[in-house]
């Protein structure tokens, strides 16, 4: 994910950007954000889908 964000922004690892800055500038969610969202959707579906 981090390498993809670097690719999108055209920066190299040698540029030493923080991961938070990479994800913020590339408008990508972190892996943790993706997992939490999926868990919340699964929990909602378990309670609300017939």
PDB file of N, CA and C in Angstrom:
ATOM      1  N   UNK A   1       0.832  -1.180   0.000  1.00  0.00           N
ATOM      2  CA  UNK A   1       0.000   0.000   0.000  1.00  0.00           C
ATOM      3  C   UNK A   1       0.880   1.249   0.000  1.00  0.00           C
ATOM      4  N   UNK A   2       1.909   1.252   0.826  1.00  0.00           N
ATOM      5  CA  UNK A   2       2.782   2.418   0.901  1.00  0.00           C
ATOM      6  C   UNK A   2       3.523   2.648  -0.411  1.00  0.00           C
ATOM      7  N   UNK A   3       3.977   1.558  -1.024  1.00  0.00           N
ATOM      8  CA  UNK A   3       4.669   1.699  -2.304  1.00  0.00           C
ATOM      9  C   UNK A   3       3.720   2.209  -3.380  1.00  0.00           C
ATOM     10  N   UNK A   4       2.465   1.786  -3.333  1.00  0.00           N
ATOM     11  CA  UNK A   4       1.476   2.279  -4.295  1.00  0.00           C
ATOM     12  C   UNK A   4       1.248   3.775  -4.103  1.00  0.00           C
ATOM     13  N   UNK A   5       1.158   4.220  -2.862  1.00  0.00           N
ATOM     14  CA  UNK A   5       0.997   5.653  -2.580  1.00  0.00           C
ATOM     15  C   UNK A   5       2.208   6.426  -3.090  1.00  0.00           C
ATOM     16  N   UNK A   6       3.409   5.873  -2.883  1.00  0.00           N
ATOM     17  CA  UNK A   6       4.616   6.531  -3.398  1.00  0.00           C
ATOM     18  C   UNK A   6       4.573   6.624  -4.917  1.00  0.00           C
ATOM     19  N   UNK A   7       4.130   5.554  -5.560  1.00  0.00           N
ATOM     20  CA  UNK A   7       4.022   5.538  -7.016  1.00  0.00           C
ATOM     21  C   UNK A   7       3.054   6.613  -7.493  1.00  0.00           C
ATOM     22  N   UNK A   8       1.892   6.709  -6.849  1.00  0.00           N
ATOM     23  CA  UNK A   8       0.903   7.709  -7.246  1.00  0.00           C
ATOM     24  C   UNK A   8       1.431   9.131  -7.110  1.00  0.00           C
ATOM     25  N   UNK A   9       2.207   9.359  -6.075  1.00  0.00           N
ATOM     26  CA  UNK A   9       2.723  10.701  -5.811  1.00  0.00           C
ATOM     27  C   UNK A   9       4.041  10.989  -6.520  1.00  0.00           C
ATOM     28  N   UNK A  10       4.663   9.948  -7.043  1.00  0.00           N
ATOM     29  CA  UNK A  10       5.937  10.136  -7.725  1.00  0.00           C
ATOM     30  C   UNK A  10       7.091  10.427  -6.779  1.00  0.00           C
ATOM     31  N   UNK A  11       7.030   9.864  -5.579  1.00  0.00           N
ATOM     32  CA  UNK A  11       8.125  10.048  -4.624  1.00  0.00           C
ATOM     33  C   UNK A  11       8.838   8.722  -4.411  1.00  0.00           C
ATOM     34  N   UNK A  12      10.063   8.807  -3.914  1.00  0.00           N
ATOM     35  CA  UNK A  12      10.864   7.613  -3.671  1.00  0.00           C
ATOM     36  C   UNK A  12      10.987   7.374  -2.175  1.00  0.00           C
ATOM     37  N   UNK A  13      11.370   6.174  -1.808  1.00  0.00           N
ATOM     38  CA  UNK A  13      11.612   5.880  -0.390  1.00  0.00           C
ATOM     39  C   UNK A  13      12.680   6.802   0.175  1.00  0.00           C
ATOM     40  N   UNK A  14      13.639   7.155  -0.668  1.00  0.00           N
ATOM     41  CA  UNK A  14      14.726   8.036  -0.228  1.00  0.00           C
ATOM     42  C   UNK A  14      14.214   9.426   0.153  1.00  0.00           C
ATOM     43  N   UNK A  15      13.016   9.782  -0.290  1.00  0.00           N
ATOM     44  CA  UNK A  15      12.437  11.085   0.051  1.00  0.00           C
ATOM     45  C   UNK A  15      11.971  11.140   1.502  1.00  0.00           C
ATOM     46  N   UNK A  16      11.863   9.978   2.146  1.00  0.00           N
ATOM     47  CA  UNK A  16      11.596   9.862   3.582  1.00  0.00           C
ATOM     48  C   UNK A  16      10.308  10.545   4.042  1.00  0.00           C
ATOM     49  N   UNK A  17       9.224  10.418   3.271  1.00  0.00           N
ATOM     50  CA  UNK A  17       7.928  10.923   3.718  1.00  0.00           C
ATOM     51  C   UNK A  17       7.330   9.955   4.722  1.00  0.00           C
ATOM     52  N   UNK A  18       6.657  10.493   5.724  1.00  0.00           N
ATOM     53  CA  UNK A  18       5.984   9.643   6.705  1.00  0.00           C
ATOM     54  C   UNK A  18       4.787   8.969   6.035  1.00  0.00           C
ATOM     55  N   UNK A  19       4.436   7.778   6.504  1.00  0.00           N
ATOM     56  CA  UNK A  19       3.314   7.025   5.945  1.00  0.00           C
ATOM     57  C   UNK A  19       2.024   7.830   6.062  1.00  0.00           C
ATOM     58  N   UNK A  20       1.832   8.493   7.181  1.00  0.00           N
ATOM     59  CA  UNK A  20       0.628   9.305   7.381  1.00  0.00           C
ATOM     60  C   UNK A  20       0.530  10.374   6.297  1.00  0.00           C
ATOM     61  N   UNK A  21       1.641  11.011   5.991  1.00  0.00           N
ATOM     62  CA  UNK A  21       1.651  12.047   4.959  1.00  0.00           C
ATOM     63  C   UNK A  21       1.412  11.451   3.573  1.00  0.00           C
ATOM     64  N   UNK A  22       2.016  10.289   3.315  1.00  0.00           N
ATOM     65  CA  UNK A  22       1.804   9.618   2.027  1.00  0.00           C
ATOM     66  C   UNK A  22       0.324   9.322   1.799  1.00  0.00           C
ATOM     67  N   UNK A  23      -0.310   8.714   2.794  1.00  0.00           N
ATOM     68  CA  UNK A  23      -1.709   8.327   2.653  1.00  0.00           C
ATOM     69  C   UNK A  23      -2.614   9.547   2.586  1.00  0.00           C
ATOM     70  N   UNK A  24      -2.288  10.573   3.335  1.00  0.00           N
ATOM     71  CA  UNK A  24      -3.089  11.795   3.310  1.00  0.00           C
ATOM     72  C   UNK A  24      -3.003  12.470   1.946  1.00  0.00           C
ATOM     73  N   UNK A  25      -1.813  12.601   1.426  1.00  0.00           N
ATOM     74  CA  UNK A  25      -1.629  13.276   0.133  1.00  0.00           C
ATOM     75  C   UNK A  25      -2.179  12.462  -1.035  1.00  0.00           C
ATOM     76  N   UNK A  26      -2.153  11.134  -0.930  1.00  0.00           N
ATOM     77  CA  UNK A  26      -2.648  10.284  -2.021  1.00  0.00           C
ATOM     78  C   UNK A  26      -4.135   9.959  -1.870  1.00  0.00           C
ATOM     79  N   UNK A  27      -4.736  10.381  -0.752  1.00  0.00           N
ATOM     80  CA  UNK A  27      -6.162  10.140  -0.473  1.00  0.00           C
ATOM     81  C   UNK A  27      -6.495   8.650  -0.444  1.00  0.00           C
ATOM     82  N   UNK A  28      -5.556   7.850   0.070  1.00  0.00           N
ATOM     83  CA  UNK A  28      -5.770   6.414   0.220  1.00  0.00           C
ATOM     84  C   UNK A  28      -6.005   6.091   1.690  1.00  0.00           C
ATOM     85  N   UNK A  29      -6.871   5.117   1.968  1.00  0.00           N
ATOM     86  CA  UNK A  29      -7.058   4.696   3.363  1.00  0.00           C
ATOM     87  C   UNK A  29      -5.908   3.782   3.790  1.00  0.00           C
ATOM     88  N   UNK A  30      -5.666   3.728   5.074  1.00  0.00           N
ATOM     89  CA  UNK A  30      -4.658   2.797   5.590  1.00  0.00           C
ATOM     90  C   UNK A  30      -5.272   1.400   5.649  1.00  0.00           C
ATOM     91  N   UNK A  31      -4.437   0.402   5.809  1.00  0.00           N
ATOM     92  CA  UNK A  31      -4.926  -0.972   5.925  1.00  0.00           C
ATOM     93  C   UNK A  31      -5.838  -1.087   7.143  1.00  0.00           C
ATOM     94  N   UNK A  32      -5.476  -0.441   8.248  1.00  0.00           N
ATOM     95  CA  UNK A  32      -6.312  -0.478   9.446  1.00  0.00           C
ATOM     96  C   UNK A  32      -7.680   0.139   9.183  1.00  0.00           C
ATOM     97  N   UNK A  33      -7.730   1.252   8.461  1.00  0.00           N
ATOM     98  CA  UNK A  33      -9.012   1.887   8.141  1.00  0.00           C
ATOM     99  C   UNK A  33      -9.881   0.968   7.289  1.00  0.00           C
ATOM    100  N   UNK A  34      -9.272   0.284   6.341  1.00  0.00           N
ATOM    101  CA  UNK A  34     -10.013  -0.651   5.489  1.00  0.00           C
ATOM    102  C   UNK A  34     -10.581  -1.792   6.329  1.00  0.00           C
ATOM    103  N   UNK A  35      -9.762  -2.360   7.216  1.00  0.00           N
ATOM    104  CA  UNK A  35     -10.212  -3.482   8.043  1.00  0.00           C
ATOM    105  C   UNK A  35     -11.332  -3.078   8.991  1.00  0.00           C
ATOM    106  N   UNK A  36     -11.223  -1.915   9.605  1.00  0.00           N
ATOM    107  CA  UNK A  36     -12.263  -1.448  10.522  1.00  0.00           C
ATOM    108  C   UNK A  36     -13.564  -1.213   9.773  1.00  0.00           C
ATOM    109  N   UNK A  37     -13.479  -0.628   8.592  1.00  0.00           N
ATOM    110  CA  UNK A  37     -14.681  -0.373   7.797  1.00  0.00           C
ATOM    111  C   UNK A  37     -15.361  -1.687   7.412  1.00  0.00           C
ATOM    112  N   UNK A  38     -14.575  -2.664   6.972  1.00  0.00           N
ATOM    113  CA  UNK A  38     -15.137  -3.960   6.589  1.00  0.00           C
ATOM    114  C   UNK A  38     -15.762  -4.674   7.782  1.00  0.00           C
ATOM    115  N   UNK A  39     -15.135  -4.584   8.940  1.00  0.00           N
ATOM    116  CA  UNK A  39     -15.694  -5.205  10.145  1.00  0.00           C
ATOM    117  C   UNK A  39     -17.010  -4.541  10.528  1.00  0.00           C
ATOM    118  N   UNK A  40     -17.073  -3.218  10.415  1.00  0.00           N
ATOM    119  CA  UNK A  40     -18.304  -2.494  10.741  1.00  0.00           C
ATOM    120  C   UNK A  40     -19.422  -2.855   9.767  1.00  0.00           C
ATOM    121  N   UNK A  41     -19.101  -2.964   8.493  1.00  0.00           N
ATOM    122  CA  UNK A  41     -20.104  -3.339   7.491  1.00  0.00           C
ATOM    123  C   UNK A  41     -20.600  -4.758   7.749  1.00  0.00           C
ATOM    124  N   UNK A  42     -19.691  -5.672   8.053  1.00  0.00           N
ATOM    125  CA  UNK A  42     -20.085  -7.057   8.337  1.00  0.00           C
ATOM    126  C   UNK A  42     -20.977  -7.145   9.567  1.00  0.00           C
ATOM    127  N   UNK A  43     -20.635  -6.399  10.607  1.00  0.00           N
ATOM    128  CA  UNK A  43     -21.457  -6.395  11.822  1.00  0.00           C
ATOM    129  C   UNK A  43     -22.835  -5.815  11.540  1.00  0.00           C
ATOM    130  N   UNK A  44     -22.889  -4.744  10.752  1.00  0.00           N
ATOM    131  CA  UNK A  44     -24.172  -4.123  10.411  1.00  0.00           C
ATOM    132  C   UNK A  44     -25.030  -5.102   9.612  1.00  0.00           C
ATOM    133  N   UNK A  45     -24.417  -5.765   8.630  1.00  0.00           N
ATOM    134  CA  UNK A  45     -25.153  -6.726   7.807  1.00  0.00           C
ATOM    135  C   UNK A  45     -25.681  -7.880   8.650  1.00  0.00           C
ATOM    136  N   UNK A  46     -24.896  -8.338   9.604  1.00  0.00           N
ATOM    137  CA  UNK A  46     -25.324  -9.444  10.463  1.00  0.00           C
ATOM    138  C   UNK A  46     -26.557  -9.069  11.273  1.00  0.00           C
ATOM    139  N   UNK A  47     -26.689  -7.817  11.625  1.00  0.00           N
ATOM    140  CA  UNK A  47     -27.820  -7.354  12.426  1.00  0.00           C
ATOM    141  C   UNK A  47     -29.017  -6.917  11.588  1.00  0.00           C
ATOM    142  N   UNK A  48     -28.791  -6.464  10.354  1.00  0.00           N
ATOM    143  CA  UNK A  48     -29.848  -5.799   9.599  1.00  0.00           C
ATOM    144  C   UNK A  48     -30.309  -6.492   8.324  1.00  0.00           C
ATOM    145  N   UNK A  49     -29.614  -7.482   7.859  1.00  0.00           N
ATOM    146  CA  UNK A  49     -30.000  -8.164   6.630  1.00  0.00           C
ATOM    147  C   UNK A  49     -30.774  -9.419   7.001  1.00  0.00           C
ATOM    148  N   UNK A  50     -31.897  -9.592   6.358  1.00  0.00           N
ATOM    149  CA  UNK A  50     -32.747 -10.757   6.661  1.00  0.00           C
ATOM    150  C   UNK A  50     -32.197 -12.026   6.078  1.00  0.00           C
TER     151      UNK A  50
END
